């Protein structure tokens, strides 16, 4: 249980950093944080991150990538 909760916080930190970078217009840096966070958890731990990443891709006009991420989430 402890490991599961720890990985949730790691994923959440990556998501937070990615969202800050997205707000600053640093989309490539945000993508790297989303990608890193997606490798740090499983299942429900990464669903919010994948959803946020999909929204960013959709807003940036990357419909195929957004669809792929929404399906994973």
Protein backbone atom coordinates (compact mmCIF):
# COMPACT_ATOMS: atom_id res chain seq x y z
CA UNK A 1 0.00 0.00 0.00
CA UNK A 2 2.78 2.43 0.86
CA UNK A 3 4.48 1.95 -2.50
CA UNK A 4 1.19 2.51 -4.31
CA UNK A 5 0.56 5.77 -2.52
CA UNK A 6 4.15 6.90 -3.08
CA UNK A 7 3.93 6.31 -6.82
CA UNK A 8 0.63 8.25 -6.87
CA UNK A 9 2.44 11.28 -5.41
CA UNK A 10 5.30 10.95 -7.87
CA UNK A 11 2.83 10.88 -10.77
CA UNK A 12 0.97 13.86 -9.28
CA UNK A 13 4.20 15.86 -9.08
CA UNK A 14 4.97 15.16 -12.74
CA UNK A 15 1.45 16.18 -13.67
CA UNK A 16 1.73 19.41 -11.69
CA UNK A 17 5.04 20.30 -13.32
CA UNK A 18 3.62 19.51 -16.75
CA UNK A 19 0.61 21.75 -16.16
CA UNK A 20 2.86 24.63 -15.06
CA UNK A 21 4.99 24.20 -18.17
CA UNK A 22 1.84 24.06 -20.31
CA UNK A 23 0.63 27.35 -18.80
CA UNK A 24 3.99 28.90 -19.69
CA UNK A 25 3.69 27.69 -23.27
CA UNK A 26 6.49 25.14 -22.89
CA UNK A 27 4.58 22.28 -24.50
CA UNK A 28 7.59 20.10 -25.33
CA UNK A 29 8.79 20.30 -21.72
CA UNK A 30 5.25 19.57 -20.54
CA UNK A 31 5.11 16.50 -22.78
CA UNK A 32 8.36 15.22 -21.28
CA UNK A 33 6.91 15.57 -17.77
CA UNK A 34 3.68 13.84 -18.80
CA UNK A 35 5.67 11.02 -20.42
CA UNK A 36 7.86 10.63 -17.34
CA UNK A 37 4.87 10.58 -15.00
CA UNK A 38 3.05 8.04 -17.15
CA UNK A 39 5.90 5.57 -16.56
CA UNK A 40 5.81 5.99 -12.77
CA UNK A 41 2.39 4.55 -11.99
CA UNK A 42 -0.26 2.12 -13.14
CA UNK A 43 -4.01 2.07 -13.60
CA UNK A 44 -5.92 4.69 -11.67
CA UNK A 45 -2.69 6.32 -10.50
CA UNK A 46 -1.99 7.65 -13.99
CA UNK A 47 -5.55 8.24 -15.24
CA UNK A 48 -5.68 11.93 -14.16
CA UNK A 49 -2.27 12.57 -15.71
CA UNK A 50 -3.26 10.91 -18.98
CA UNK A 51 -6.47 12.92 -19.06
CA UNK A 52 -4.64 16.22 -18.49
CA UNK A 53 -2.10 15.27 -21.17
CA UNK A 54 -4.89 14.41 -23.60
CA UNK A 55 -6.56 17.76 -23.02
CA UNK A 56 -3.28 19.56 -23.71
CA UNK A 57 -2.80 17.62 -26.94
CA UNK A 58 -6.38 18.30 -28.00
CA UNK A 59 -5.96 22.04 -27.35
CA UNK A 60 -2.72 21.96 -29.35
CA UNK A 61 -4.52 20.38 -32.33
CA UNK A 62 -3.13 16.86 -31.93
CA UNK A 63 -6.43 15.00 -32.10
CA UNK A 64 -4.95 11.55 -32.75
CA UNK A 65 -2.58 11.76 -29.77
CA UNK A 66 -5.41 13.12 -27.61
CA UNK A 67 -7.69 10.23 -28.62
CA UNK A 68 -4.95 7.69 -27.82
CA UNK A 69 -4.40 9.21 -24.38
CA UNK A 70 -8.11 9.44 -23.60
CA UNK A 71 -8.45 5.74 -24.42
CA UNK A 72 -5.56 4.85 -22.09
CA UNK A 73 -7.02 6.97 -19.29
